Amino acid sequence: MSKWAVVTGATAGIGESFTRILAHDGFNIVLVARDLGRMKERAAHLESQFKVQTAIIQADLATDDGCAKVEKYLRENQIEVLINNAGFGIKYPFTMSALQAEQELLDVLVRTPMRLMHVILPGMKERNSGVIINVSSVASFIAGGTYSAAKSYLTVLTEAVNTEVRSTNIKVSAL
């Protein structure tokens, strides 16, 4: 049986690197991002270079619908690895940024990883296997606005969930 990995923010940077590493290790890859064209290019490259299967979920994780689309996929498919990588920063100080941008940052960096972990963990517990990697940041250890606060939340939640599943074969880590 082939194993599948879901990578959010799969088209660039750390997420793109994870797609290559996982495909190299024989995982089929579900790419999650907003840019359909870039996902199609990445999927074709992974399929040709690593001979794996791919699936694409076009989703804006700053929206409820985007998050729900990925949650639905996780409920309906057996996923062995979840990489919560999608993210962005805001270049303005908190008091000068747009409130909507701050909310979208929280939705992508806090709400979505929390919800995806909550949805995927029951199946992992039932199988007694799985890996979740939450891409955090050293910014989680400094006072640097909403981004730092969001990454701090993600790091602490990761530690808490890792403790909760420590007697299983499920691994939950923050990068």
N, C-alpha and C. Protein backbone atom coordinates (compact mmCIF):
# COMPACT_ATOMS: atom_id res chain seq x y z
N MET A 1 0.84 -1.19 0.00
CA MET A 1 0.00 0.00 0.00
C MET A 1 0.88 1.24 0.00
N SER A 2 0.62 2.15 -0.89
CA SER A 2 1.42 3.36 -0.98
C SER A 2 1.00 4.35 0.10
N LYS A 3 1.97 5.08 0.60
CA LYS A 3 1.71 6.05 1.66
C LYS A 3 1.66 7.45 1.07
N TRP A 4 0.80 8.27 1.68
CA TRP A 4 0.58 9.63 1.21
C TRP A 4 1.00 10.65 2.25
N ALA A 5 1.51 11.78 1.76
CA ALA A 5 1.87 12.92 2.60
C ALA A 5 1.17 14.16 2.07
N VAL A 6 0.67 14.98 2.98
CA VAL A 6 0.06 16.27 2.63
C VAL A 6 1.02 17.37 3.04
N VAL A 7 1.30 18.29 2.11
CA VAL A 7 2.18 19.41 2.38
C VAL A 7 1.44 20.70 2.05
N THR A 8 1.23 21.55 3.06
CA THR A 8 0.63 22.86 2.80
C THR A 8 1.75 23.84 2.46
N GLY A 9 1.43 24.79 1.60
CA GLY A 9 2.47 25.71 1.14
C GLY A 9 3.52 24.97 0.34
N ALA A 10 3.05 24.10 -0.56
CA ALA A 10 3.91 23.10 -1.22
C ALA A 10 4.67 23.60 -2.44
N THR A 11 4.47 24.85 -2.85
CA THR A 11 5.05 25.27 -4.14
C THR A 11 6.35 26.04 -4.03
N ALA A 12 6.78 26.41 -2.84
CA ALA A 12 8.01 27.20 -2.72
C ALA A 12 8.66 26.96 -1.36
N GLY A 13 9.92 27.30 -1.27
CA GLY A 13 10.63 27.30 0.01
C GLY A 13 10.66 25.96 0.71
N ILE A 14 10.43 26.00 2.01
CA ILE A 14 10.49 24.79 2.84
C ILE A 14 9.47 23.76 2.39
N GLY A 15 8.26 24.20 2.04
CA GLY A 15 7.23 23.27 1.60
C GLY A 15 7.63 22.53 0.34
N GLU A 16 8.18 23.24 -0.62
CA GLU A 16 8.64 22.61 -1.87
C GLU A 16 9.74 21.61 -1.56
N SER A 17 10.65 21.96 -0.66
CA SER A 17 11.72 21.03 -0.27
C SER A 17 11.15 19.77 0.36
N PHE A 18 10.16 19.94 1.22
CA PHE A 18 9.52 18.76 1.82
C PHE A 18 8.91 17.85 0.76
N THR A 19 8.31 18.43 -0.29
CA THR A 19 7.72 17.57 -1.33
C THR A 19 8.79 16.70 -1.98
N ARG A 20 9.97 17.26 -2.23
CA ARG A 20 11.05 16.49 -2.84
C ARG A 20 11.60 15.42 -1.91
N ILE A 21 11.81 15.78 -0.64
CA ILE A 21 12.34 14.82 0.34
C ILE A 21 11.37 13.65 0.51
N LEU A 22 10.10 13.96 0.67
CA LEU A 22 9.10 12.90 0.87
C LEU A 22 8.96 12.04 -0.38
N ALA A 23 8.93 12.64 -1.55
CA ALA A 23 8.83 11.88 -2.80
C ALA A 23 10.06 10.99 -2.97
N HIS A 24 11.23 11.51 -2.64
CA HIS A 24 12.46 10.72 -2.71
C HIS A 24 12.35 9.48 -1.82
N ASP A 25 11.65 9.63 -0.69
CA ASP A 25 11.46 8.51 0.23
C ASP A 25 10.27 7.63 -0.14
N GLY A 26 9.65 7.89 -1.30
CA GLY A 26 8.59 7.02 -1.81
C GLY A 26 7.18 7.42 -1.45
N PHE A 27 7.01 8.57 -0.81
CA PHE A 27 5.65 9.02 -0.48
C PHE A 27 4.99 9.65 -1.69
N ASN A 28 3.72 9.34 -1.88
CA ASN A 28 2.89 10.09 -2.81
C ASN A 28 2.57 11.42 -2.14
N ILE A 29 2.41 12.47 -2.93
CA ILE A 29 2.33 13.82 -2.38
C ILE A 29 1.01 14.49 -2.73
N VAL A 30 0.36 15.06 -1.70
CA VAL A 30 -0.78 15.94 -1.89
C VAL A 30 -0.26 17.36 -1.68
N LEU A 31 -0.30 18.14 -2.76
CA LEU A 31 0.16 19.52 -2.70
C LEU A 31 -1.01 20.43 -2.37
N VAL A 32 -0.82 21.31 -1.40
CA VAL A 32 -1.84 22.27 -1.02
C VAL A 32 -1.24 23.67 -1.15
N ALA A 33 -1.89 24.51 -1.94
CA ALA A 33 -1.44 25.90 -2.12
C ALA A 33 -2.53 26.66 -2.86
N ARG A 34 -2.30 27.94 -3.07
CA ARG A 34 -3.27 28.77 -3.80
C ARG A 34 -3.03 28.75 -5.31
N ASP A 35 -1.77 28.66 -5.72
CA ASP A 35 -1.38 28.83 -7.12
C ASP A 35 -1.47 27.50 -7.87
N LEU A 36 -2.57 27.32 -8.62
CA LEU A 36 -2.81 26.07 -9.32
C LEU A 36 -1.72 25.76 -10.36
N GLY A 37 -1.29 26.76 -11.09
CA GLY A 37 -0.25 26.56 -12.10
C GLY A 37 1.04 26.04 -11.50
N ARG A 38 1.48 26.66 -10.43
CA ARG A 38 2.72 26.21 -9.78
C ARG A 38 2.56 24.81 -9.20
N MET A 39 1.37 24.50 -8.66
CA MET A 39 1.15 23.14 -8.13
C MET A 39 1.21 22.11 -9.24
N LYS A 40 0.63 22.43 -10.39
CA LYS A 40 0.67 21.49 -11.52
C LYS A 40 2.11 21.25 -11.98
N GLU A 41 2.91 22.31 -12.04
CA GLU A 41 4.32 22.17 -12.41
C GLU A 41 5.06 21.30 -11.40
N ARG A 42 4.86 21.57 -10.12
CA ARG A 42 5.52 20.82 -9.04
C ARG A 42 5.09 19.36 -9.09
N ALA A 43 3.79 19.10 -9.29
CA ALA A 43 3.28 17.73 -9.35
C ALA A 43 3.90 16.97 -10.52
N ALA A 44 3.96 17.60 -11.68
CA ALA A 44 4.55 16.95 -12.85
C ALA A 44 6.02 16.62 -12.61
N HIS A 45 6.73 17.53 -11.98
CA HIS A 45 8.14 17.30 -11.68
C HIS A 45 8.31 16.12 -10.71
N LEU A 46 7.50 16.09 -9.65
CA LEU A 46 7.60 15.00 -8.67
C LEU A 46 7.27 13.66 -9.31
N GLU A 47 6.23 13.64 -10.14
CA GLU A 47 5.84 12.39 -10.80
C GLU A 47 6.93 11.89 -11.73
N SER A 48 7.53 12.78 -12.50
CA SER A 48 8.54 12.35 -13.46
C SER A 48 9.87 12.01 -12.79
N GLN A 49 10.29 12.80 -11.82
CA GLN A 49 11.58 12.56 -11.20
C GLN A 49 11.56 11.41 -10.20
N PHE A 50 10.48 11.28 -9.44
CA PHE A 50 10.46 10.31 -8.35
C PHE A 50 9.48 9.15 -8.57
N LYS A 51 8.72 9.20 -9.67
CA LYS A 51 7.77 8.13 -10.00
C LYS A 51 6.75 7.90 -8.88
N VAL A 52 6.24 9.01 -8.33
CA VAL A 52 5.21 8.95 -7.30
C VAL A 52 3.91 9.51 -7.87
N GLN A 53 2.83 9.27 -7.15
CA GLN A 53 1.55 9.87 -7.51
C GLN A 53 1.41 11.20 -6.78
N THR A 54 0.63 12.08 -7.38
CA THR A 54 0.36 13.35 -6.71
C THR A 54 -1.12 13.68 -6.79
N ALA A 55 -1.54 14.54 -5.88
CA ALA A 55 -2.88 15.11 -5.91
C ALA A 55 -2.72 16.58 -5.56
N ILE A 56 -3.67 17.37 -6.00
CA ILE A 56 -3.60 18.82 -5.81
C ILE A 56 -4.88 19.29 -5.12
N ILE A 57 -4.69 20.11 -4.09
CA ILE A 57 -5.82 20.79 -3.46
C ILE A 57 -5.53 22.28 -3.54
N GLN A 58 -6.26 22.96 -4.40
CA GLN A 58 -6.12 24.41 -4.49
C GLN A 58 -6.96 25.02 -3.38
N ALA A 59 -6.28 25.70 -2.45
CA ALA A 59 -7.00 26.23 -1.29
C ALA A 59 -6.27 27.44 -0.73
N ASP A 60 -7.04 28.46 -0.41
CA ASP A 60 -6.52 29.61 0.31
C ASP A 60 -6.79 29.33 1.79
N LEU A 61 -5.75 29.01 2.53
CA LEU A 61 -5.91 28.59 3.92
C LEU A 61 -6.23 29.75 4.86
N ALA A 62 -6.29 30.95 4.33
CA ALA A 62 -6.75 32.09 5.12
C ALA A 62 -8.27 32.14 5.17
N THR A 63 -8.93 31.28 4.38
CA THR A 63 -10.39 31.27 4.33
C THR A 63 -10.94 30.01 5.00
N ASP A 64 -12.15 30.12 5.50
CA ASP A 64 -12.81 28.95 6.09
C ASP A 64 -12.99 27.86 5.04
N ASP A 65 -13.38 28.26 3.83
CA ASP A 65 -13.59 27.27 2.76
C ASP A 65 -12.31 26.54 2.41
N GLY A 66 -11.21 27.26 2.34
CA GLY A 66 -9.92 26.65 2.01
C GLY A 66 -9.50 25.64 3.06
N CYS A 67 -9.64 26.02 4.31
CA CYS A 67 -9.30 25.13 5.42
C CYS A 67 -10.22 23.90 5.39
N ALA A 68 -11.50 24.11 5.20
CA ALA A 68 -12.48 23.01 5.18
C ALA A 68 -12.20 22.03 4.03
N LYS A 69 -11.73 22.54 2.91
CA LYS A 69 -11.42 21.68 1.77
C LYS A 69 -10.31 20.68 2.13
N VAL A 70 -9.30 21.15 2.83
CA VAL A 70 -8.20 20.26 3.24
C VAL A 70 -8.67 19.31 4.34
N GLU A 71 -9.45 19.82 5.29
CA GLU A 71 -10.00 18.96 6.34
C GLU A 71 -10.79 17.80 5.74
N LYS A 72 -11.62 18.09 4.76
CA LYS A 72 -12.43 17.07 4.09
C LYS A 72 -11.53 16.00 3.48
N TYR A 73 -10.47 16.43 2.80
CA TYR A 73 -9.54 15.49 2.19
C TYR A 73 -8.90 14.59 3.25
N LEU A 74 -8.49 15.19 4.37
CA LEU A 74 -7.86 14.41 5.44
C LEU A 74 -8.82 13.39 6.04
N ARG A 75 -10.09 13.75 6.15
CA ARG A 75 -11.09 12.83 6.69
C ARG A 75 -11.33 11.65 5.75
N GLU A 76 -11.27 11.91 4.45
CA GLU A 76 -11.65 10.90 3.46
C GLU A 76 -10.50 10.05 2.94
N ASN A 77 -9.27 10.36 3.34
CA ASN A 77 -8.11 9.65 2.81
C ASN A 77 -7.15 9.31 3.94
N GLN A 78 -6.43 8.21 3.77
CA GLN A 78 -5.44 7.83 4.78
C GLN A 78 -4.14 8.55 4.48
N ILE A 79 -3.76 9.43 5.36
CA ILE A 79 -2.55 10.24 5.20
C ILE A 79 -1.58 9.86 6.30
N GLU A 80 -0.34 9.56 5.92
CA GLU A 80 0.67 9.14 6.89
C GLU A 80 1.48 10.33 7.42
N VAL A 81 1.66 11.36 6.58
CA VAL A 81 2.48 12.51 6.98
C VAL A 81 1.72 13.79 6.67
N LEU A 82 1.69 14.70 7.64
CA LEU A 82 1.13 16.03 7.45
C LEU A 82 2.22 17.05 7.74
N ILE A 83 2.50 17.89 6.75
CA ILE A 83 3.45 18.99 6.92
C ILE A 83 2.65 20.28 6.90
N ASN A 84 2.51 20.92 8.06
CA ASN A 84 1.84 22.22 8.16
C ASN A 84 2.89 23.30 7.93
N ASN A 85 2.99 23.75 6.69
CA ASN A 85 4.05 24.68 6.31
C ASN A 85 3.53 26.03 5.82
N ALA A 86 2.32 26.09 5.31
CA ALA A 86 1.83 27.33 4.71
C ALA A 86 1.97 28.50 5.69
N GLY A 87 2.37 29.63 5.16
CA GLY A 87 2.51 30.79 6.03
C GLY A 87 2.95 32.03 5.28
N PHE A 88 2.90 33.12 5.96
CA PHE A 88 3.38 34.39 5.43
C PHE A 88 3.60 35.34 6.60
N GLY A 89 4.31 36.42 6.34
CA GLY A 89 4.52 37.45 7.35
C GLY A 89 3.92 38.76 6.89
N ILE A 90 3.85 39.70 7.81
CA ILE A 90 3.34 41.04 7.51
C ILE A 90 4.50 42.00 7.70
N LYS A 91 4.74 42.84 6.70
CA LYS A 91 5.92 43.70 6.76
C LYS A 91 5.74 44.96 7.60
N TYR A 92 4.54 45.22 8.07
CA TYR A 92 4.28 46.43 8.86
C TYR A 92 4.21 46.11 10.34
N PRO A 93 4.57 47.06 11.19
CA PRO A 93 4.37 46.86 12.63
C PRO A 93 2.89 46.67 12.93
N PHE A 94 2.60 46.02 14.04
CA PHE A 94 1.24 45.68 14.40
C PHE A 94 0.30 46.88 14.36
N THR A 95 0.72 48.01 14.88
CA THR A 95 -0.17 49.18 14.94
C THR A 95 -0.36 49.86 13.60
N MET A 96 0.41 49.45 12.59
CA MET A 96 0.28 50.05 11.27
C MET A 96 -0.28 49.08 10.23
N SER A 97 -0.45 47.83 10.62
CA SER A 97 -0.92 46.82 9.66
C SER A 97 -2.43 46.85 9.57
N ALA A 98 -2.93 46.22 8.51
CA ALA A 98 -4.37 46.10 8.33
C ALA A 98 -4.90 44.97 9.21
N LEU A 99 -5.99 45.21 9.89
CA LEU A 99 -6.58 44.20 10.77
C LEU A 99 -6.90 42.93 9.98
N GLN A 100 -7.38 43.06 8.75
CA GLN A 100 -7.70 41.90 7.92
C GLN A 100 -6.45 41.04 7.67
N ALA A 101 -5.31 41.70 7.44
CA ALA A 101 -4.06 40.96 7.23
C ALA A 101 -3.66 40.21 8.50
N GLU A 102 -3.84 40.84 9.64
CA GLU A 102 -3.52 40.18 10.92
C GLU A 102 -4.40 38.96 11.12
N GLN A 103 -5.69 39.09 10.80
CA GLN A 103 -6.62 37.96 10.94
C GLN A 103 -6.25 36.83 9.99
N GLU A 104 -5.90 37.16 8.75
CA GLU A 104 -5.52 36.14 7.78
C GLU A 104 -4.26 35.41 8.23
N LEU A 105 -3.32 36.15 8.82
CA LEU A 105 -2.10 35.53 9.32
C LEU A 105 -2.46 34.50 10.41
N LEU A 106 -3.32 34.90 11.34
CA LEU A 106 -3.73 33.96 12.39
C LEU A 106 -4.46 32.75 11.80
N ASP A 107 -5.28 32.97 10.80
CA ASP A 107 -6.01 31.86 10.19
C ASP A 107 -5.07 30.86 9.53
N VAL A 108 -4.04 31.36 8.85
CA VAL A 108 -3.09 30.47 8.17
C VAL A 108 -2.12 29.82 9.16
N LEU A 109 -1.61 30.58 10.11
CA LEU A 109 -0.54 30.08 10.98
C LEU A 109 -1.04 29.39 12.25
N VAL A 110 -2.28 29.66 12.66
CA VAL A 110 -2.80 29.10 13.91
C VAL A 110 -4.01 28.20 13.65
N ARG A 111 -5.06 28.80 13.12
CA ARG A 111 -6.31 28.05 12.94
C ARG A 111 -6.12 26.82 12.06
N THR A 112 -5.53 27.00 10.89
CA THR A 112 -5.43 25.88 9.95
C THR A 112 -4.59 24.73 10.50
N PRO A 113 -3.36 24.95 10.98
CA PRO A 113 -2.61 23.80 11.51
C PRO A 113 -3.32 23.10 12.67
N MET A 114 -3.95 23.89 13.56
CA MET A 114 -4.67 23.30 14.68
C MET A 114 -5.80 22.40 14.17
N ARG A 115 -6.57 22.91 13.23
CA ARG A 115 -7.71 22.15 12.71
C ARG A 115 -7.24 20.91 11.95
N LEU A 116 -6.20 21.05 11.13
CA LEU A 116 -5.72 19.90 10.36
C LEU A 116 -5.18 18.81 11.28
N MET A 117 -4.47 19.21 12.33
CA MET A 117 -3.99 18.21 13.29
C MET A 117 -5.16 17.53 13.99
N HIS A 118 -6.14 18.31 14.37
CA HIS A 118 -7.29 17.76 15.09
C HIS A 118 -8.05 16.76 14.22
N VAL A 119 -8.12 17.02 12.93
CA VAL A 119 -8.83 16.13 12.01
C VAL A 119 -8.02 14.87 11.70
N ILE A 120 -6.71 14.99 11.55
CA ILE A 120 -5.91 13.84 11.11
C ILE A 120 -5.53 12.90 12.25
N LEU A 121 -5.44 13.41 13.46
CA LEU A 121 -4.94 12.58 14.56
C LEU A 121 -5.80 11.37 14.91
N PRO A 122 -7.13 11.43 14.85
CA PRO A 122 -7.89 10.20 15.16
C PRO A 122 -7.50 9.01 14.28
N GLY A 123 -7.33 9.23 12.99
CA GLY A 123 -6.92 8.15 12.09
C GLY A 123 -5.52 7.66 12.39
N MET A 124 -4.62 8.59 12.70
CA MET A 124 -3.26 8.20 13.06
C MET A 124 -3.26 7.37 14.35
N LYS A 125 -4.09 7.77 15.31
CA LYS A 125 -4.17 7.02 16.57
C LYS A 125 -4.74 5.63 16.32
N GLU A 126 -5.74 5.54 15.46
CA GLU A 126 -6.34 4.24 15.15
C GLU A 126 -5.31 3.31 14.50
N ARG A 127 -4.47 3.84 13.60
CA ARG A 127 -3.43 3.06 12.92
C ARG A 127 -2.17 2.92 13.76
N ASN A 128 -2.05 3.76 14.78
CA ASN A 128 -0.84 3.84 15.60
C ASN A 128 0.39 4.16 14.76
N SER A 129 0.21 5.09 13.82
CA SER A 129 1.34 5.56 13.03
C SER A 129 1.01 6.90 12.39
N GLY A 130 2.05 7.65 12.16
CA GLY A 130 1.89 8.93 11.49
C GLY A 130 2.93 9.93 11.95
N VAL A 131 3.09 10.95 11.12
CA VAL A 131 4.04 12.02 11.41
C VAL A 131 3.37 13.35 11.09
N ILE A 132 3.51 14.29 12.02
CA ILE A 132 3.08 15.65 11.79
C ILE A 132 4.27 16.56 12.05
N ILE A 133 4.59 17.40 11.09
CA ILE A 133 5.64 18.40 11.27
C ILE A 133 5.00 19.76 11.06
N ASN A 134 5.10 20.59 12.10
CA ASN A 134 4.60 21.96 12.04
C ASN A 134 5.79 22.89 11.86
N VAL A 135 5.79 23.61 10.74
CA VAL A 135 6.90 24.52 10.48
C VAL A 135 6.69 25.77 11.31
N SER A 136 7.53 25.91 12.33
CA SER A 136 7.46 27.05 13.22
C SER A 136 8.59 28.01 12.85
N SER A 137 9.14 28.69 13.84
CA SER A 137 10.17 29.68 13.56
C SER A 137 10.88 30.03 14.86
N VAL A 138 12.14 30.44 14.76
CA VAL A 138 12.82 30.96 15.94
C VAL A 138 12.13 32.24 16.41
N ALA A 139 11.33 32.85 15.53
CA ALA A 139 10.55 34.02 15.91
C ALA A 139 9.57 33.70 17.03
N SER A 140 9.30 32.41 17.24
CA SER A 140 8.37 32.04 18.31
C SER A 140 8.94 32.34 19.69
N PHE A 141 10.23 32.62 19.76
CA PHE A 141 10.88 32.88 21.05
C PHE A 141 11.13 34.36 21.31
N ILE A 142 10.65 35.23 20.41
CA ILE A 142 10.85 36.67 20.59
C ILE A 142 9.50 37.38 20.55
N ALA A 143 9.47 38.59 21.04
CA ALA A 143 8.25 39.40 20.97
C ALA A 143 8.29 40.17 19.66
N GLY A 144 7.65 39.63 18.64
CA GLY A 144 7.71 40.22 17.32
C GLY A 144 6.36 40.31 16.64
N GLY A 145 5.34 40.71 17.36
CA GLY A 145 4.03 40.89 16.75
C GLY A 145 3.27 39.59 16.58
N THR A 146 2.27 39.66 15.72
CA THR A 146 1.37 38.54 15.52
C THR A 146 2.09 37.31 14.97
N TYR A 147 3.06 37.51 14.07
CA TYR A 147 3.79 36.38 13.51
C TYR A 147 4.47 35.59 14.62
N SER A 148 5.21 36.27 15.47
CA SER A 148 5.89 35.59 16.58
C SER A 148 4.90 34.92 17.51
N ALA A 149 3.81 35.61 17.82
CA ALA A 149 2.79 35.03 18.70
C ALA A 149 2.19 33.78 18.08
N ALA A 150 1.92 33.83 16.78
CA ALA A 150 1.34 32.67 16.09
C ALA A 150 2.31 31.50 16.09
N LYS A 151 3.57 31.76 15.83
CA LYS A 151 4.57 30.68 15.82
C LYS A 151 4.79 30.13 17.23
N SER A 152 4.68 30.99 18.24
CA SER A 152 4.78 30.52 19.62
C SER A 152 3.63 29.57 19.93
N TYR A 153 2.42 29.95 19.52
CA TYR A 153 1.25 29.08 19.71
C TYR A 153 1.51 27.72 19.05
N LEU A 154 1.98 27.75 17.81
CA LEU A 154 2.19 26.52 17.06
C LEU A 154 3.24 25.63 17.74
N THR A 155 4.31 26.22 18.22
CA THR A 155 5.35 25.46 18.91
C THR A 155 4.81 24.83 20.19
N VAL A 156 4.09 25.61 20.98
CA VAL A 156 3.55 25.09 22.25
C VAL A 156 2.49 24.02 21.99
N LEU A 157 1.61 24.24 21.02
CA LEU A 157 0.61 23.22 20.70
C LEU A 157 1.30 21.93 20.23
N THR A 158 2.32 22.06 19.42
CA THR A 158 3.07 20.89 18.95
C THR A 158 3.65 20.12 20.12
N GLU A 159 4.26 20.83 21.07
CA GLU A 159 4.82 20.17 22.24
C GLU A 159 3.74 19.45 23.05
N ALA A 160 2.59 20.10 23.20
CA ALA A 160 1.50 19.50 23.95
C ALA A 160 0.96 18.24 23.28
N VAL A 161 0.76 18.30 21.96
CA VAL A 161 0.24 17.14 21.24
C VAL A 161 1.28 16.02 21.22
N ASN A 162 2.55 16.37 21.07
CA ASN A 162 3.60 15.37 21.12
C ASN A 162 3.57 14.63 22.46
N THR A 163 3.40 15.37 23.54
CA THR A 163 3.30 14.76 24.87
C THR A 163 2.08 13.84 24.95
N GLU A 164 0.97 14.30 24.38
CA GLU A 164 -0.26 13.51 24.42
C GLU A 164 -0.12 12.17 23.70
N VAL A 165 0.65 12.13 22.61
CA VAL A 165 0.76 10.90 21.81
C VAL A 165 2.08 10.16 22.04
N ARG A 166 2.81 10.53 23.07
CA ARG A 166 4.16 9.97 23.25
C ARG A 166 4.17 8.45 23.45
N SER A 167 3.08 7.87 23.89
CA SER A 167 3.06 6.41 24.09
C SER A 167 2.63 5.68 22.82
N THR A 168 2.51 6.39 21.71
CA THR A 168 2.12 5.80 20.43
C THR A 168 3.31 5.84 19.46
N ASN A 169 3.08 5.38 18.25
CA ASN A 169 4.08 5.49 17.19
C ASN A 169 3.87 6.72 16.33
N ILE A 170 3.16 7.71 16.84
CA ILE A 170 2.92 8.97 16.13
C ILE A 170 3.98 9.98 16.57
N LYS A 171 4.56 10.65 15.61
CA LYS A 171 5.58 11.66 15.91
C LYS A 171 5.03 13.03 15.53
N VAL A 172 5.08 13.97 16.46
CA VAL A 172 4.63 15.33 16.23
C VAL A 172 5.78 16.26 16.59
N SER A 173 6.24 17.02 15.61
CA SER A 173 7.43 17.87 15.81
C SER A 173 7.21 19.26 15.25
N ALA A 174 7.92 20.20 15.84
CA ALA A 174 7.97 21.57 15.30
C ALA A 174 9.36 21.77 14.69
N LEU A 175 9.36 22.36 13.52
CA LEU A 175 10.62 22.69 12.86
C LEU A 175 10.86 24.17 13.02
